[in-house]
């Protein structure tokens, strides 16, 4: 069996060093917002090339807190509109709604799956005050033109970098292009924790300080609360584990790129559409997503060959019961994608031999 993602195998190399560090961790007897979180925040900020990284409870909270901080600072007001790709994980949209803002769903580029600047130009209005740019599946969106658009129109540019840890353009990494960015450290991410975890990156001092207060009950000093905040703090134990794994992130991403390159070069089936990769070095392949009009048949066929796959995402956010108010939106590209996309196995531990087995199975598929 080739599993879709072998988390145990991914984390196994870190078990020994993690265990070695645990006695000192327990000796410190400090479990919330201590040295481990401070170390990780500094290391991750340096890695991303920004001034600040603020550890929070999860990736959803990272995005919510960015928007709430901008509301507190007067850069946004409740009810303002924020552009978001219609083809994304629901957390991107939940974050906008949770902050009291209004999502504007736009169609993605059907080949790269990322946000389409032409769609933004065609649908822009003066109620839109920000863009949430999702680097979907690990490929950086067209950030240079998007950043220029946001500057020209004096709106915020926020990155949803939950799937793009380490993706870069000429060394400039995801999480450093926008005004702020949200990351998730869900265990299956390229940089995954042993549970939930998230982070915000920014080079804006005022924004960073505001977010630090919001994540900690609206407080900078114990029992002194400037405004209503929340409890969303990256756990010390998770920070310890993330610090260990961060050193290997680039190497792990390079391996994913090698697997993806093998897929791109060798999958030849006429009924399988490969993703459009603008630059292999700008994509960290959190997921490798193909398209086919015969998805269920292909899933069953691959499973019969001992190959697991996954669908990201079978129901578009605007078609979810949670967002019934948007069910009448007409988004044909997104609605086609939800029926055609299929994620193949890819990870830092999937071997080229295993990738070859996947390719051979795909190329021999008969409909």
Protein backbone atom coordinates (compact mmCIF):
# COMPACT_ATOMS: atom_id res chain seq x y z
CA UNK A 1 0.00 0.00 0.00
CA UNK A 2 1.23 3.51 -0.86
CA UNK A 3 -0.53 5.74 1.67
CA UNK A 4 -1.64 9.19 0.66
CA UNK A 5 0.49 10.63 3.47
CA UNK A 6 2.56 8.67 6.00
CA UNK A 7 2.71 11.02 9.00
CA UNK A 8 4.38 8.47 11.25
CA UNK A 9 7.23 8.06 8.77
CA UNK A 10 7.53 11.84 8.35
CA UNK A 11 7.93 12.42 12.09
CA UNK A 12 9.97 9.32 12.96
CA UNK A 13 13.40 10.95 12.36
CA UNK A 14 12.65 13.57 15.01
CA UNK A 15 11.60 11.22 17.81
CA UNK A 16 15.05 10.75 19.36
CA UNK A 17 16.06 14.41 19.48
CA UNK A 18 12.59 15.38 20.71
CA UNK A 19 12.87 12.87 23.56
CA UNK A 20 16.36 14.14 24.39
CA UNK A 21 15.04 17.69 24.77
CA UNK A 22 12.05 16.77 26.95
CA UNK A 23 13.87 16.58 30.33
CA UNK A 24 15.16 20.14 29.99
CA UNK A 25 11.71 21.23 28.84
CA UNK A 26 10.12 19.78 32.00
CA UNK A 27 12.83 21.25 34.20
CA UNK A 28 11.97 24.76 33.00
CA UNK A 29 8.37 24.23 34.19
CA UNK A 30 7.08 26.91 31.80
CA UNK A 31 4.35 25.77 29.40
CA UNK A 32 2.71 28.87 27.89
CA UNK A 33 4.42 31.73 26.00
CA UNK A 34 7.89 30.81 27.20
CA UNK A 35 11.34 30.42 25.71
CA UNK A 36 10.39 27.72 23.20
CA UNK A 37 7.75 29.91 21.58
CA UNK A 38 10.10 32.90 21.60
CA UNK A 39 12.82 30.81 19.95
CA UNK A 40 10.49 29.51 17.29
CA UNK A 41 9.01 32.93 16.59
CA UNK A 42 12.50 34.37 16.05
CA UNK A 43 13.64 31.41 13.95
CA UNK A 44 10.52 31.38 11.78
CA UNK A 45 10.61 35.16 11.29
CA UNK A 46 14.24 34.90 10.20
CA UNK A 47 13.39 31.97 7.92
CA UNK A 48 10.55 33.90 6.24
CA UNK A 49 12.55 37.11 6.06
CA UNK A 50 10.22 39.26 8.17
CA UNK A 51 10.56 41.20 11.42
CA UNK A 52 7.90 39.36 13.39
CA UNK A 53 6.36 35.92 13.75
CA UNK A 54 3.59 35.49 16.30
CA UNK A 55 2.65 31.95 17.31
CA UNK A 56 -1.06 31.25 17.70
CA UNK A 57 -3.33 28.27 18.26
CA UNK A 58 -3.97 27.27 14.65
CA UNK A 59 -4.01 28.47 11.07
CA UNK A 60 -7.61 29.70 11.17
CA UNK A 61 -6.88 31.83 14.20
CA UNK A 62 -3.83 33.25 12.45
CA UNK A 63 -6.00 34.71 9.70
CA UNK A 64 -8.80 35.79 12.04
CA UNK A 65 -6.37 37.65 14.29
CA UNK A 66 -4.82 39.49 11.35
CA UNK A 67 -8.21 40.83 10.32
CA UNK A 68 -9.27 41.61 13.89
CA UNK A 69 -6.03 43.50 14.47
CA UNK A 70 -6.57 45.57 11.34
CA UNK A 71 -10.09 46.38 12.54
CA UNK A 72 -8.71 47.44 15.93
CA UNK A 73 -6.11 49.62 14.19
CA UNK A 74 -8.76 51.24 12.01
CA UNK A 75 -7.44 49.83 8.73
CA UNK A 76 -10.63 47.79 8.32
CA UNK A 77 -14.19 48.18 9.53
CA UNK A 78 -16.72 45.44 10.14
CA UNK A 79 -18.68 44.85 6.96
CA UNK A 80 -15.77 45.67 4.67
CA UNK A 81 -15.32 43.31 1.74
CA UNK A 82 -12.30 41.04 1.31
CA UNK A 83 -11.55 39.14 -1.88
CA UNK A 84 -10.95 35.41 -1.45
CA UNK A 85 -10.53 32.61 -4.02
CA UNK A 86 -13.67 30.50 -4.30
CA UNK A 87 -11.55 27.36 -4.62
CA UNK A 88 -9.86 27.04 -1.24
CA UNK A 89 -10.18 25.32 2.12
CA UNK A 90 -13.12 26.70 4.08
CA UNK A 91 -10.84 28.25 6.74
CA UNK A 92 -9.91 31.04 4.33
CA UNK A 93 -13.54 32.12 4.18
CA UNK A 94 -14.32 31.39 7.83
CA UNK A 95 -11.55 33.79 8.87
CA UNK A 96 -13.10 36.66 6.95
CA UNK A 97 -16.57 35.98 8.36
CA UNK A 98 -15.32 35.41 11.91
CA UNK A 99 -13.72 38.86 11.87
CA UNK A 100 -17.03 40.46 10.84
CA UNK A 101 -15.97 41.08 7.24
CA UNK A 102 -17.66 40.07 4.00
CA UNK A 103 -16.05 37.61 1.54
CA UNK A 104 -16.05 38.33 -2.17
CA UNK A 105 -15.67 34.95 -3.88
CA UNK A 106 -13.68 35.02 -7.10
CA UNK A 107 -12.88 32.28 -9.58
CA UNK A 108 -9.35 30.84 -9.56
CA UNK A 109 -7.05 30.24 -12.49
CA UNK A 110 -8.24 26.74 -13.51
CA UNK A 111 -4.71 25.57 -14.34
CA UNK A 112 -2.66 26.85 -11.39
CA UNK A 113 -5.65 26.83 -8.97
CA UNK A 114 -4.47 30.18 -7.58
CA UNK A 115 -6.17 33.56 -7.42
CA UNK A 116 -6.71 35.19 -10.83
CA UNK A 117 -5.74 38.86 -11.11
CA UNK A 118 -8.03 39.30 -14.13
CA UNK A 119 -10.96 38.26 -11.95
CA UNK A 120 -9.92 40.83 -9.34
CA UNK A 121 -9.73 43.59 -11.95
CA UNK A 122 -13.11 42.65 -13.39
CA UNK A 123 -14.88 42.55 -10.01
CA UNK A 124 -13.20 45.31 -8.04
CA UNK A 125 -15.29 47.97 -6.31
CA UNK A 126 -14.75 50.63 -3.66
CA UNK A 127 -16.21 48.43 -0.90
CA UNK A 128 -13.32 45.99 -1.23
CA UNK A 129 -10.65 46.77 1.36
CA UNK A 130 -8.40 43.73 1.16
CA UNK A 131 -7.31 40.62 -0.72
CA UNK A 132 -6.71 37.27 0.95
CA UNK A 133 -4.27 35.58 -1.38
CA UNK A 134 -4.14 31.80 -0.90
CA UNK A 135 -0.95 30.12 -2.15
CA UNK A 136 -2.97 27.00 -2.82
CA UNK A 137 -1.37 23.55 -2.73
CA UNK A 138 2.05 25.15 -2.15
CA UNK A 139 2.46 27.33 -5.26
CA UNK A 140 3.02 31.05 -4.73
CA UNK A 141 0.39 33.14 -6.48
CA UNK A 142 1.24 36.06 -8.77
CA UNK A 143 2.35 38.17 -5.84
CA UNK A 144 4.24 40.88 -7.71
CA UNK A 145 1.27 42.03 -9.80
CA UNK A 146 -1.12 41.42 -6.91
CA UNK A 147 1.00 43.46 -4.53
CA UNK A 148 1.14 46.31 -7.03
CA UNK A 149 -2.63 46.16 -7.48
CA UNK A 150 -3.19 46.39 -3.73
CA UNK A 151 -0.78 49.30 -3.35
CA UNK A 152 -2.34 51.17 -6.26
CA UNK A 153 -5.82 50.74 -4.81
CA UNK A 154 -4.75 51.30 -1.18
CA UNK A 155 -6.11 47.99 0.08
CA UNK A 156 -4.59 45.32 2.31
CA UNK A 157 -2.71 42.35 0.92
CA UNK A 158 -2.90 39.34 3.27
CA UNK A 159 -1.36 35.96 2.45
CA UNK A 160 -2.94 32.65 3.40
CA UNK A 161 0.34 30.72 3.49
CA UNK A 162 -1.05 27.67 5.29
CA UNK A 163 0.09 25.37 2.48
CA UNK A 164 3.23 27.15 1.32
CA UNK A 165 5.89 26.92 4.03
CA UNK A 166 9.21 27.69 2.34
CA UNK A 167 7.86 28.45 -1.13
CA UNK A 168 9.86 31.31 -2.56
CA UNK A 169 10.55 33.57 -5.53
CA UNK A 170 14.27 34.25 -5.91
CA UNK A 171 14.78 33.52 -2.22
CA UNK A 172 11.92 35.72 -0.97
CA UNK A 173 9.59 33.41 0.90
CA UNK A 174 5.86 33.05 1.22
CA UNK A 175 4.73 35.03 4.22
CA UNK A 176 6.91 38.03 3.36
CA UNK A 177 5.10 39.45 0.31
CA UNK A 178 1.96 40.83 1.90
CA UNK A 179 1.15 43.16 4.77
CA UNK A 180 0.75 40.02 6.90
CA UNK A 181 0.42 36.27 6.45
CA UNK A 182 -1.18 33.37 8.26
CA UNK A 183 0.42 29.92 8.53
CA UNK A 184 -0.93 26.61 9.77
CA UNK A 185 1.21 23.92 11.41
CA UNK A 186 -1.46 21.23 11.19
CA UNK A 187 0.44 17.91 11.36
CA UNK A 188 0.19 17.14 7.62
CA UNK A 189 1.59 20.51 6.52
CA UNK A 190 5.08 20.83 5.04
CA UNK A 191 6.08 22.09 8.48
CA UNK A 192 3.73 20.20 10.76
CA UNK A 193 3.39 20.10 14.54
CA UNK A 194 2.22 17.25 16.76
CA UNK A 195 -1.20 18.86 16.94
CA UNK A 196 -2.70 22.22 16.07
CA UNK A 197 -0.57 25.31 15.74
CA UNK A 198 -0.35 28.48 13.69
CA UNK A 199 1.67 31.61 13.13
CA UNK A 200 1.38 35.13 11.75
CA UNK A 201 4.25 36.83 9.94
CA UNK A 202 4.58 40.56 9.32
CA UNK A 203 7.14 43.34 9.31
CA UNK A 204 4.63 45.85 10.71
CA UNK A 205 5.56 46.59 14.35
CA UNK A 206 2.17 48.01 15.31
CA UNK A 207 0.28 45.11 13.79
CA UNK A 208 2.55 42.57 15.49
CA UNK A 209 2.09 44.15 18.91
CA UNK A 210 -1.68 44.32 18.47
CA UNK A 211 -1.87 40.65 17.47
CA UNK A 212 0.27 39.63 20.44
CA UNK A 213 -2.25 41.31 22.72
CA UNK A 214 -5.31 39.89 20.96
CA UNK A 215 -3.98 36.30 21.16
CA UNK A 216 -3.54 36.72 24.95
CA UNK A 217 -6.95 38.00 26.12
CA UNK A 218 -6.21 41.51 24.84
CA UNK A 219 -3.39 41.81 27.33
CA UNK A 220 0.29 42.66 27.24
CA UNK A 221 0.63 42.83 31.03
CA UNK A 222 -1.00 40.22 33.25
CA UNK A 223 -4.48 41.22 34.44
CA UNK A 224 -4.37 44.42 32.37
CA UNK A 225 -6.64 44.09 29.32
CA UNK A 226 -6.70 46.90 26.75
CA UNK A 227 -9.49 45.37 24.67
CA UNK A 228 -11.41 42.15 24.20
CA UNK A 229 -9.03 39.49 22.97
CA UNK A 230 -9.00 35.73 22.70
CA UNK A 231 -6.93 32.80 23.95
CA UNK A 232 -4.92 31.60 20.95
CA UNK A 233 -1.30 30.90 21.82
CA UNK A 234 1.13 28.49 20.21
CA UNK A 235 1.89 25.77 22.73
CA UNK A 236 5.43 25.55 24.14
CA UNK A 237 5.68 21.83 23.39
CA UNK A 238 4.58 22.35 19.79
CA UNK A 239 7.10 25.17 19.42
CA UNK A 240 9.85 22.86 20.65
CA UNK A 241 8.95 20.27 18.00
CA UNK A 242 8.58 22.86 15.25
CA UNK A 243 12.01 24.29 16.05
CA UNK A 244 13.51 20.84 15.53
CA UNK A 245 11.74 20.30 12.19
CA UNK A 246 12.32 23.81 10.81
CA UNK A 247 15.99 23.06 10.14
CA UNK A 248 14.99 20.36 7.63
CA UNK A 249 12.14 22.21 5.91
CA UNK A 250 14.06 23.29 2.82
CA UNK A 251 15.48 19.80 2.26
CA UNK A 252 12.02 18.27 2.71
CA UNK A 253 10.61 20.73 0.15
CA UNK A 254 13.37 19.89 -2.34
CA UNK A 255 12.40 16.23 -2.08
CA UNK A 256 8.75 17.10 -2.71
CA UNK A 257 9.85 19.05 -5.81
CA UNK A 258 11.76 16.00 -7.07
CA UNK A 259 8.71 13.78 -6.67
CA UNK A 260 6.52 16.40 -8.37
CA UNK A 261 9.00 16.73 -11.23
CA UNK A 262 8.87 12.98 -11.73
CA UNK A 263 5.07 13.12 -11.87
CA UNK A 264 5.11 16.05 -14.30
CA UNK A 265 7.59 14.37 -16.61
CA UNK A 266 6.12 10.87 -16.62
CA UNK A 267 2.31 11.02 -16.25
CA UNK A 268 1.08 10.72 -19.83
CA UNK A 269 -2.53 9.57 -19.59
CA UNK A 270 -4.74 11.55 -22.02
CA UNK A 271 -7.60 11.81 -19.51
CA UNK A 272 -5.43 13.23 -16.73
CA UNK A 273 -4.66 16.97 -16.68
CA UNK A 274 -1.51 17.91 -14.80
CA UNK A 275 -1.23 21.10 -12.75
CA UNK A 276 0.38 24.12 -14.37
CA UNK A 277 3.62 24.84 -12.54
CA UNK A 278 5.03 28.24 -13.41
CA UNK A 279 8.40 27.59 -11.72
CA UNK A 280 9.27 24.34 -9.95
CA UNK A 281 11.30 26.32 -7.40
CA UNK A 282 8.30 28.48 -6.46
CA UNK A 283 6.15 25.50 -5.54
CA UNK A 284 6.67 23.35 -2.42
CA UNK A 285 3.97 20.84 -3.40
CA UNK A 286 2.06 20.56 -0.19
CA UNK A 287 -0.26 18.74 -2.56
CA UNK A 288 0.09 17.43 -6.11
CA UNK A 289 -3.33 17.90 -7.67
CA UNK A 290 -4.43 16.52 -11.03
CA UNK A 291 -7.77 16.86 -12.79
CA UNK A 292 -9.89 14.18 -14.43
CA UNK A 293 -13.52 13.97 -15.51
CA UNK A 294 -13.65 10.35 -14.30
CA UNK A 295 -12.50 10.93 -10.74
CA UNK A 296 -14.43 8.27 -8.89
CA UNK A 297 -13.37 5.61 -11.37
CA UNK A 298 -9.74 6.66 -11.03
CA UNK A 299 -9.91 6.68 -7.22
CA UNK A 300 -11.30 3.14 -7.21
CA UNK A 301 -8.76 1.95 -9.76
CA UNK A 302 -5.79 3.36 -7.86
CA UNK A 303 -7.07 1.92 -4.60
CA UNK A 304 -7.25 -1.48 -6.27
CA UNK A 305 -3.55 -1.02 -7.03
CA UNK A 306 -2.82 -0.14 -3.39
CA UNK A 307 -2.52 3.61 -3.93
CA UNK A 308 -4.42 6.06 -1.72
CA UNK A 309 -5.57 9.46 -2.99
CA UNK A 310 -7.52 12.36 -1.51
CA UNK A 311 -9.85 15.10 -2.74
CA UNK A 312 -9.04 18.74 -1.98
CA UNK A 313 -11.82 19.94 -1.93
CA UNK A 314 -15.02 18.05 -2.86
CA UNK A 315 -17.44 20.83 -1.86
CA UNK A 316 -16.67 24.48 -2.59
CA UNK A 317 -17.10 26.88 0.37
CA UNK A 318 -20.05 28.68 -1.23
CA UNK A 319 -21.81 25.31 -1.58
CA UNK A 320 -21.37 24.37 2.08
CA UNK A 321 -24.39 24.45 4.41
CA UNK A 322 -22.40 26.79 6.64
CA UNK A 323 -22.48 29.39 3.87
CA UNK A 324 -26.00 28.83 2.57
CA UNK A 325 -26.35 32.59 2.02
CA UNK A 326 -23.94 32.28 -0.92
CA UNK A 327 -25.38 29.14 -2.53
CA UNK A 328 -26.83 31.09 -5.48
CA UNK A 329 -23.43 32.36 -6.58
CA UNK A 330 -22.54 31.24 -10.10
CA UNK A 331 -18.89 30.15 -10.06
CA UNK A 332 -18.56 27.58 -12.86
CA UNK A 333 -14.77 27.14 -12.73
CA UNK A 334 -14.82 26.43 -9.01
CA UNK A 335 -17.81 24.12 -9.34
CA UNK A 336 -16.08 22.11 -12.07
CA UNK A 337 -12.91 21.85 -10.02
CA UNK A 338 -14.76 20.45 -7.03
CA UNK A 339 -15.77 17.49 -9.18
CA UNK A 340 -12.46 16.96 -11.01
CA UNK A 341 -9.50 17.58 -8.68
CA UNK A 342 -7.64 14.65 -7.15
CA UNK A 343 -4.53 14.72 -4.96
CA UNK A 344 -1.84 12.10 -5.52
CA UNK A 345 0.54 10.86 -2.81
CA UNK A 346 3.40 13.29 -2.16
CA UNK A 347 5.53 13.96 0.90
CA UNK A 348 9.09 14.31 2.12
CA UNK A 349 9.27 10.53 2.60
CA UNK A 350 7.58 9.28 -0.57
CA UNK A 351 10.33 7.61 -2.60
CA UNK A 352 10.89 7.99 -6.33
CA UNK A 353 10.30 4.23 -6.61
CA UNK A 354 6.88 4.72 -5.05
CA UNK A 355 6.23 7.68 -7.35
CA UNK A 356 7.13 5.43 -10.27
CA UNK A 357 4.54 2.90 -9.10
CA UNK A 358 1.93 5.67 -8.97
CA UNK A 359 2.85 6.82 -12.47
CA UNK A 360 2.76 3.30 -13.91
CA UNK A 361 -0.68 2.73 -12.42
CA UNK A 362 -1.98 6.04 -13.78
CA UNK A 363 -0.62 5.47 -17.26
CA UNK A 364 -2.11 1.99 -17.45
CA UNK A 365 -5.59 3.12 -16.35
CA UNK A 366 -8.31 2.27 -18.81
CA UNK A 367 -11.72 3.90 -18.63
